[in-house]
Amino acid sequence: MEISEAIRVQANSHTTTGPTNYAEGRKAMGLNSLTYPLHCEDARANTDLTSTLHINLTEETVSSREGFEGIIGKSSVLRRLLQMVETVAAGDSTVLLLGETGTGKELIARAIHGLSPRNTRPFVKLNCAAIPTGLLESELFGHERGSFTGAIAQKIGRLEVAHQGSLFLDEIGDISLELQPKLLRALQEREFERLGSTRTQKIDVRIVAATHRDLEGMILEKQFRSDLYYRLNVFPIRVPPLRERPEDIPLLVRHFVQQATRRMRKTIDTVPSETMDALIDYRWPGNIRELENVIERAVILSPGRVLRLSLRDLRSRIAPSQNTDHHQTLEEVERNHILKTLKETKWVLSGPSGAASRLGLNRSTLYFRMKKLGIARSANSSSGPQSEPAAIHNAITQADRF
């Protein structure tokens, strides 16, 4: 079977360096060095429900080459992703990584840095969602001693630390509106001032940003600046969720079993086929991070050499997760919001308690949006289903009475 990506989220120091020179870095990080065959049978292909999947714990599933720790596989999904990484890494353009949490965006950012001419310089990361808004500016730009209460010493910001290297801004969608103009200026002008300083400093930093949020939707809601978005969105790369590549799961299972058994000094070399089928069928809303945690728990609870997983617990999580993987378009969100408001107002459009007032629209605008989105009162408690034109006409007629 074809093997895809295995990305392990790592939590280590926020700086690292790469190979000794650019040519060696590209050779070490070529596409072929990322691919490893899966030396085990496909559980789905075996019709014997009592069959097992044997794991050779002596085989390495993670590349030991510098800069690619934690990324394995050779599926078409991974190849397309890494081809984009190789294409953009050689330049100096800003990259925006889009994808759900737990998909391994940080490791992709590290790969971009490792493939770039900057790979001998620092790779610095900053999680914008993990730092309070009041401290984020200081973390990013630094501050001078005495610039605010508690600033007892000068602090060097992440931008300055990453000079001539790469700065990975994780969860960029969580940066406050107040800080966005200052970040935009630093990206465009390549200069900034520390808090409490009047001296402008020049910087040479490559930005790799990542988010799981819908930045375009945030722009419409005035939660994110459009000019900053366009500055970041030079080269967007979508990191696909695990549910889009279920064929990767056997390889990921082997990798995480190896990790867990080494830490716990246990021996597990068999995975029952029904267990593997359940893992493949599950939708994984938490992506690779969730899979890693599930496997670790299973290793802890397994008394022998066979991986034991509570299929009942896993199956009970499948049903609620079915709707979590559906990313609604902006039009779908608007349609659902209007429908919800119409139901709350019993399809009364105008008036102080009508749907138009609640939505902050005038009645004609709401009518136009309903017609465009195909919103109709499909059923009536007394008269049964209505056609779309009749439903909208009746809603407008009812509104005109107020």
Protein backbone atom coordinates (compact mmCIF):
# COMPACT_ATOMS: atom_id res chain seq x y z
CA MET A 1 0.00 0.00 0.00
CA GLU A 2 1.05 3.57 -0.50
CA ILE A 3 2.46 5.33 2.53
CA SER A 4 1.84 8.94 3.33
CA GLU A 5 3.10 11.56 5.71
CA ALA A 6 3.77 11.06 9.39
CA ILE A 7 4.23 14.31 11.20
CA ARG A 8 4.99 14.36 14.87
CA VAL A 9 4.42 17.58 16.76
CA GLN A 10 7.53 18.41 18.71
CA ALA A 11 7.96 20.76 21.66
CA ASN A 12 11.58 21.67 21.99
CA SER A 13 13.74 24.78 22.03
CA HIS A 14 12.53 27.64 19.84
CA THR A 15 15.88 27.90 18.07
CA THR A 16 17.74 25.40 15.98
CA THR A 17 20.29 25.30 13.22
CA GLY A 18 20.55 23.16 10.12
CA PRO A 19 23.22 21.55 7.91
CA THR A 20 26.57 23.22 7.52
CA ASN A 21 25.87 24.61 4.07
CA TYR A 22 23.04 25.11 1.60
CA ALA A 23 24.11 22.42 -0.88
CA GLU A 24 24.40 19.78 1.83
CA GLY A 25 21.06 20.87 3.22
CA ARG A 26 19.26 20.36 -0.08
CA LYS A 27 20.92 17.01 -0.59
CA ALA A 28 20.03 15.87 2.92
CA MET A 29 16.48 17.13 2.57
CA GLY A 30 15.70 15.87 -0.90
CA LEU A 31 12.36 14.21 -1.52
CA ASN A 32 13.82 10.70 -1.60
CA SER A 33 15.24 11.02 1.90
CA LEU A 34 11.71 11.56 3.24
CA THR A 35 10.24 8.29 2.02
CA TYR A 36 10.23 4.95 3.77
CA PRO A 37 8.34 1.81 2.73
CA LEU A 38 5.96 0.19 5.18
CA HIS A 39 7.25 -3.34 5.85
CA CYS A 40 3.98 -4.71 7.10
CA GLU A 41 0.77 -6.03 5.60
CA ASP A 42 -2.32 -3.97 4.91
CA ALA A 43 -4.90 -4.95 7.49
CA ARG A 44 -7.74 -4.00 5.14
CA ALA A 45 -6.48 -6.28 2.40
CA ASN A 46 -6.57 -9.36 4.64
CA THR A 47 -10.00 -10.97 4.84
CA ASP A 48 -9.10 -13.07 7.86
CA LEU A 49 -10.45 -11.14 10.84
CA THR A 50 -8.08 -12.99 13.16
CA SER A 51 -5.00 -11.88 11.23
CA THR A 52 -2.53 -9.51 12.80
CA LEU A 53 -0.24 -6.74 11.69
CA HIS A 54 3.33 -7.44 12.73
CA ILE A 55 5.60 -4.56 13.62
CA ASN A 56 9.36 -4.77 13.25
CA LEU A 57 10.59 -2.54 16.06
CA THR A 58 14.15 -2.70 14.78
CA GLU A 59 13.27 -0.67 11.70
CA GLU A 60 13.45 3.10 11.84
CA THR A 61 10.45 4.98 10.51
CA VAL A 62 11.80 8.46 11.07
CA SER A 63 14.56 10.03 9.04
CA SER A 64 17.71 10.64 11.04
CA ARG A 65 18.85 13.26 8.55
CA GLU A 66 19.14 16.69 10.03
CA GLY A 67 16.10 18.90 9.48
CA PHE A 68 13.57 16.16 8.73
CA GLU A 69 13.06 14.50 12.08
CA GLY A 70 9.44 13.47 12.45
CA ILE A 71 8.42 13.48 8.77
CA ILE A 72 8.06 10.15 6.97
CA GLY A 73 6.03 8.59 4.13
CA LYS A 74 5.89 8.46 0.35
CA SER A 75 2.26 8.95 -0.64
CA SER A 76 1.15 11.26 -3.41
CA VAL A 77 -0.31 13.60 -0.78
CA LEU A 78 3.04 13.96 0.96
CA ARG A 79 4.97 14.22 -2.30
CA ARG A 80 2.80 17.07 -3.54
CA LEU A 81 3.17 18.86 -0.22
CA LEU A 82 6.94 18.44 -0.13
CA GLN A 83 7.31 19.49 -3.75
CA MET A 84 5.66 22.76 -2.82
CA VAL A 85 7.98 23.03 0.18
CA GLU A 86 11.05 22.46 -1.99
CA THR A 87 9.81 24.96 -4.55
CA VAL A 88 9.28 27.81 -2.12
CA ALA A 89 12.15 27.04 0.26
CA ALA A 90 14.87 28.00 -2.20
CA GLY A 91 13.61 31.58 -2.33
CA ASP A 92 12.84 34.05 0.40
CA SER A 93 9.08 34.49 0.07
CA THR A 94 6.71 34.53 3.02
CA VAL A 95 4.83 31.25 3.46
CA LEU A 96 1.39 30.79 5.03
CA LEU A 97 0.63 27.27 6.29
CA LEU A 98 -3.07 26.49 6.52
CA GLY A 99 -4.52 23.48 8.27
CA GLU A 100 -6.20 22.12 11.36
CA THR A 101 -4.46 21.76 14.68
CA GLY A 102 -2.40 18.62 15.07
CA THR A 103 -1.44 18.26 11.40
CA GLY A 104 2.23 19.16 11.91
CA LYS A 105 2.53 22.66 10.51
CA GLU A 106 5.57 23.38 12.65
CA LEU A 107 7.52 20.51 11.12
CA ILE A 108 6.67 21.78 7.65
CA ALA A 109 7.97 25.19 8.70
CA ARG A 110 11.18 23.58 9.92
CA ALA A 111 11.53 21.77 6.59
CA ILE A 112 11.17 25.07 4.71
CA HIS A 113 13.91 26.58 6.86
CA GLY A 114 16.14 23.54 6.50
CA LEU A 115 15.88 23.59 2.71
CA SER A 116 16.58 27.30 2.47
CA PRO A 117 19.90 29.15 2.22
CA ARG A 118 19.19 30.34 5.76
CA ASN A 119 19.50 26.85 7.23
CA THR A 120 22.72 27.66 9.11
CA ARG A 121 20.99 30.53 10.88
CA PRO A 122 18.39 30.32 13.69
CA PHE A 123 14.90 28.93 13.30
CA VAL A 124 12.79 30.81 15.85
CA LYS A 125 9.20 30.01 16.71
CA LEU A 126 6.51 32.02 18.44
CA ASN A 127 3.02 30.76 19.25
CA CYS A 128 0.83 33.85 19.05
CA ALA A 129 -2.05 32.10 20.83
CA ALA A 130 0.00 30.97 23.81
CA ILE A 131 1.17 34.41 24.94
CA PRO A 132 -1.14 37.05 26.46
CA THR A 133 -1.82 40.02 24.20
CA GLY A 134 -0.06 42.41 26.55
CA LEU A 135 3.16 40.40 26.40
CA LEU A 136 3.09 39.38 22.76
CA GLU A 137 4.46 42.70 21.52
CA SER A 138 7.42 42.42 23.88
CA GLU A 139 8.05 38.80 22.84
CA LEU A 140 7.99 39.77 19.19
CA PHE A 141 9.85 43.09 19.19
CA GLY A 142 11.63 43.09 22.56
CA HIS A 143 11.76 45.95 25.05
CA GLU A 144 14.17 48.29 26.79
CA ARG A 145 14.75 48.37 30.50
CA GLY A 146 12.13 50.48 32.27
CA SER A 147 9.83 50.64 29.23
CA PHE A 148 6.94 49.35 31.37
CA THR A 149 6.30 48.12 34.88
CA GLY A 150 8.31 44.97 35.45
CA ALA A 151 10.79 45.60 32.63
CA ILE A 152 13.84 45.34 34.86
CA ALA A 153 16.20 44.39 32.02
CA GLN A 154 16.49 44.73 28.27
CA LYS A 155 14.81 41.93 26.31
CA ILE A 156 15.70 40.83 22.79
CA GLY A 157 12.57 40.01 20.76
CA ARG A 158 12.06 36.99 18.51
CA LEU A 159 12.39 39.11 15.37
CA GLU A 160 15.85 40.17 16.42
CA VAL A 161 16.87 36.66 17.47
CA ALA A 162 15.81 35.36 14.04
CA HIS A 163 17.95 37.90 12.14
CA GLN A 164 19.19 36.27 8.90
CA GLY A 165 17.19 33.16 9.80
CA SER A 166 13.51 32.20 9.83
CA LEU A 167 10.70 33.19 12.19
CA PHE A 168 7.76 30.82 12.53
CA LEU A 169 4.62 32.63 13.70
CA ASP A 170 2.22 29.90 14.76
CA GLU A 171 -1.50 30.70 15.13
CA ILE A 172 -1.07 34.07 13.42
CA GLY A 173 -4.86 34.45 13.41
CA ASP A 174 -4.79 35.04 17.17
CA ILE A 175 -2.65 38.17 17.00
CA SER A 176 -4.55 41.24 18.21
CA LEU A 177 -5.77 43.98 15.88
CA GLU A 178 -3.69 46.51 17.81
CA LEU A 179 -0.46 44.64 17.11
CA GLN A 180 -1.15 43.79 13.47
CA PRO A 181 -0.11 47.20 12.00
CA LYS A 182 3.24 47.04 13.77
CA LEU A 183 3.87 43.52 12.50
CA LEU A 184 2.86 44.58 9.00
CA ARG A 185 5.36 47.41 9.08
CA ALA A 186 8.13 45.06 10.22
CA LEU A 187 7.35 42.68 7.36
CA GLN A 188 7.13 45.38 4.69
CA GLU A 189 9.88 47.75 5.77
CA ARG A 190 12.10 45.12 7.44
CA GLU A 191 12.59 47.36 10.43
CA PHE A 192 11.15 47.81 13.93
CA GLU A 193 11.72 49.46 17.30
CA ARG A 194 11.87 47.75 20.64
CA LEU A 195 9.28 48.84 23.20
CA GLY A 196 10.58 51.95 24.93
CA SER A 197 13.21 52.64 22.25
CA THR A 198 13.38 55.27 19.52
CA ARG A 199 16.14 53.53 17.60
CA THR A 200 15.00 51.78 14.43
CA GLN A 201 16.62 48.42 13.79
CA LYS A 202 16.91 46.74 10.42
CA ILE A 203 16.16 43.02 10.21
CA ASP A 204 16.56 40.29 7.61
CA VAL A 205 14.05 37.58 8.50
CA ARG A 206 12.05 35.07 6.52
CA ILE A 207 8.50 34.70 7.86
CA VAL A 208 6.63 31.41 7.90
CA ALA A 209 3.17 31.84 9.43
CA ALA A 210 0.56 29.22 10.27
CA THR A 211 -3.08 29.18 11.34
CA HIS A 212 -6.05 26.87 11.66
CA ARG A 213 -8.48 29.78 11.41
CA ASP A 214 -10.31 31.21 8.38
CA LEU A 215 -8.44 34.46 7.89
CA GLU A 216 -10.63 35.59 4.99
CA GLY A 217 -13.71 35.19 7.16
CA MET A 218 -11.96 37.09 9.95
CA ILE A 219 -11.30 39.95 7.52
CA LEU A 220 -15.03 40.21 6.77
CA GLU A 221 -15.71 40.25 10.51
CA LYS A 222 -13.04 42.95 10.93
CA GLN A 223 -10.93 40.72 13.17
CA PHE A 224 -7.93 40.58 10.85
CA ARG A 225 -6.38 43.25 8.64
CA SER A 226 -6.63 42.59 4.92
CA ASP A 227 -3.27 44.24 4.18
CA LEU A 228 -1.51 41.95 6.66
CA TYR A 229 -3.30 38.94 5.20
CA TYR A 230 -2.16 39.74 1.67
CA ARG A 231 1.37 40.30 2.94
CA LEU A 232 1.37 36.87 4.58
CA ASN A 233 -0.49 35.02 1.84
CA VAL A 234 2.33 35.14 -0.72
CA PHE A 235 2.70 31.37 -0.93
CA PRO A 236 -0.08 29.48 0.89
CA ILE A 237 0.37 25.77 1.59
CA ARG A 238 -2.48 23.64 2.88
CA VAL A 239 -1.47 20.84 5.24
CA PRO A 240 -4.18 18.17 4.84
CA PRO A 241 -5.89 16.57 7.85
CA LEU A 242 -5.32 12.92 8.70
CA ARG A 243 -8.82 11.88 7.65
CA GLU A 244 -7.93 12.75 4.03
CA ARG A 245 -5.17 10.14 4.00
CA PRO A 246 -6.40 7.07 5.95
CA GLU A 247 -3.87 4.89 4.12
CA ASP A 248 -1.16 6.55 6.24
CA ILE A 249 -2.51 5.25 9.52
CA PRO A 250 -0.72 1.84 9.62
CA LEU A 251 2.65 3.55 9.21
CA LEU A 252 1.78 6.15 11.83
CA VAL A 253 0.63 3.45 14.22
CA ARG A 254 3.91 1.60 13.86
CA HIS A 255 5.87 4.79 14.40
CA PHE A 256 4.00 5.81 17.54
CA VAL A 257 4.08 2.26 18.95
CA GLN A 258 7.86 2.29 18.51
CA GLN A 259 8.12 5.61 20.31
CA ALA A 260 5.89 4.63 23.21
CA THR A 261 7.40 1.19 23.78
CA ARG A 262 10.92 2.60 23.86
CA ARG A 263 9.95 5.18 26.46
CA MET A 264 8.10 2.64 28.57
CA ARG A 265 10.58 -0.20 27.98
CA LYS A 266 7.84 -2.51 26.75
CA THR A 267 7.64 -4.90 23.80
CA ILE A 268 4.68 -4.76 21.40
CA ASP A 269 5.04 -6.30 17.95
CA THR A 270 1.46 -7.13 16.92
CA VAL A 271 -1.60 -5.06 16.07
CA PRO A 272 -4.87 -7.00 15.52
CA SER A 273 -6.49 -6.33 12.16
CA GLU A 274 -9.80 -5.28 13.74
CA THR A 275 -7.90 -2.70 15.78
CA MET A 276 -6.21 -1.34 12.69
CA ASP A 277 -9.54 -1.22 10.82
CA ALA A 278 -11.07 0.79 13.66
CA LEU A 279 -8.14 3.21 13.62
CA ILE A 280 -8.48 3.63 9.85
CA ASP A 281 -12.25 4.20 10.04
CA TYR A 282 -12.04 6.82 12.78
CA ARG A 283 -12.20 10.42 11.55
CA TRP A 284 -9.45 11.87 13.79
CA PRO A 285 -10.65 15.41 14.50
CA GLY A 286 -7.44 15.93 16.49
CA ASN A 287 -5.36 14.62 13.58
CA ILE A 288 -1.89 13.16 14.15
CA ARG A 289 -1.62 14.57 17.64
CA GLU A 290 -4.78 12.69 18.65
CA LEU A 291 -3.55 9.47 17.04
CA GLU A 292 -0.28 9.71 18.95
CA ASN A 293 -2.14 10.11 22.24
CA VAL A 294 -4.51 7.21 21.50
CA ILE A 295 -1.61 4.90 20.68
CA GLU A 296 0.32 5.94 23.78
CA ARG A 297 -2.70 5.16 25.97
CA ALA A 298 -3.13 1.80 24.22
CA VAL A 299 0.53 0.92 24.82
CA ILE A 300 0.14 1.75 28.51
CA LEU A 301 -2.92 -0.50 28.84
CA SER A 302 -1.57 -3.40 26.76
CA PRO A 303 -0.32 -6.16 29.09
CA GLY A 304 1.52 -8.27 26.50
CA ARG A 305 3.08 -8.09 23.05
CA VAL A 306 -0.24 -7.34 21.31
CA LEU A 307 -1.54 -3.78 21.10
CA ARG A 308 -4.85 -3.64 22.95
CA LEU A 309 -7.23 -0.81 22.11
CA SER A 310 -10.74 -0.28 23.44
CA LEU A 311 -12.70 -0.38 20.20
CA ARG A 312 -15.88 0.55 22.08
CA ASP A 313 -14.33 3.81 23.24
CA LEU A 314 -13.00 4.57 19.78
CA ARG A 315 -16.28 3.80 18.02
CA SER A 316 -18.20 5.93 20.49
CA ARG A 317 -16.12 8.88 19.35
CA ILE A 318 -16.79 8.33 15.64
CA ALA A 319 -20.40 9.55 15.54
CA PRO A 320 -19.89 12.99 17.11
CA SER A 321 -16.81 13.59 14.99
CA GLN A 322 -18.57 13.18 11.68
CA ASN A 323 -19.58 16.83 11.51
CA THR A 324 -16.33 18.25 12.84
CA ASP A 325 -14.50 17.74 9.56
CA HIS A 326 -16.92 19.83 7.49
CA HIS A 327 -15.51 23.26 6.81
CA GLN A 328 -18.42 25.51 5.91
CA THR A 329 -18.04 28.11 3.23
CA LEU A 330 -18.77 31.72 4.08
CA GLU A 331 -22.01 31.44 2.14
CA GLU A 332 -23.05 28.38 4.18
CA VAL A 333 -22.28 30.17 7.43
CA GLU A 334 -24.35 33.19 6.34
CA ARG A 335 -27.25 31.01 5.20
CA ASN A 336 -27.33 29.04 8.46
CA HIS A 337 -27.16 32.22 10.52
CA ILE A 338 -30.04 33.83 8.63
CA LEU A 339 -32.13 30.65 8.89
CA LYS A 340 -31.49 30.42 12.62
CA THR A 341 -32.58 34.05 13.09
CA LEU A 342 -35.69 33.57 10.95
CA LYS A 343 -36.75 30.57 13.02
CA GLU A 344 -36.22 32.52 16.23
CA THR A 345 -38.45 35.35 14.94
CA LYS A 346 -40.99 32.93 13.43
CA TRP A 347 -40.15 34.30 9.98
CA VAL A 348 -41.01 37.87 10.86
CA LEU A 349 -38.62 40.00 8.80
CA SER A 350 -39.19 43.61 9.89
CA GLY A 351 -40.20 45.40 13.03
CA PRO A 352 -38.16 45.96 16.20
CA SER A 353 -38.06 42.22 16.95
CA GLY A 354 -37.85 41.05 13.36
CA ALA A 355 -35.02 39.13 11.70
CA ALA A 356 -33.75 42.17 9.75
CA SER A 357 -33.32 44.17 12.94
CA ARG A 358 -31.53 41.33 14.70
CA LEU A 359 -29.19 40.85 11.76
CA GLY A 360 -28.48 44.58 11.44
CA LEU A 361 -29.98 44.74 7.93
CA ASN A 362 -32.85 46.56 6.35
CA ARG A 363 -35.76 44.46 5.13
CA SER A 364 -34.99 44.76 1.41
CA THR A 365 -31.38 43.70 1.93
CA LEU A 366 -32.47 40.70 3.98
CA TYR A 367 -34.99 39.77 1.28
CA PHE A 368 -32.26 39.98 -1.35
CA ARG A 369 -29.91 37.78 0.71
CA MET A 370 -32.68 35.22 1.29
CA LYS A 371 -33.39 35.03 -2.42
CA LYS A 372 -29.71 34.73 -3.33
CA LEU A 373 -29.06 32.03 -0.72
CA GLY A 374 -32.20 30.09 -1.61
CA ILE A 375 -33.76 30.49 1.81
CA ALA A 376 -37.38 29.42 1.91
CA ARG A 377 -39.83 28.37 4.59
CA SER A 378 -40.03 24.77 3.46
CA ALA A 379 -42.91 23.72 5.69
CA ASN A 380 -45.79 25.30 7.54
CA SER A 381 -47.47 23.74 10.53
CA SER A 382 -50.95 24.30 9.10
CA SER A 383 -50.64 24.30 5.33
CA GLY A 384 -47.69 22.01 4.60
CA PRO A 385 -44.68 22.67 2.37
CA GLN A 386 -44.49 25.83 0.33
CA SER A 387 -42.63 26.59 -2.85
CA GLU A 388 -39.62 28.89 -2.53
CA PRO A 389 -41.27 31.95 -4.18
CA ALA A 390 -44.40 31.49 -2.10
CA ALA A 391 -42.41 31.15 1.13
CA ILE A 392 -40.44 34.32 0.52
CA HIS A 393 -43.57 36.18 -0.62
CA ASN A 394 -45.43 35.12 2.51
CA ALA A 395 -42.52 36.14 4.71
CA ILE A 396 -42.44 39.59 3.09
CA THR A 397 -46.22 39.92 3.32
CA GLN A 398 -46.12 38.99 6.98
CA ALA A 399 -43.35 41.53 7.57
CA ASP A 400 -45.32 44.29 5.83
CA ARG A 401 -48.09 43.96 8.39
CA PHE A 402 -45.83 45.37 11.10
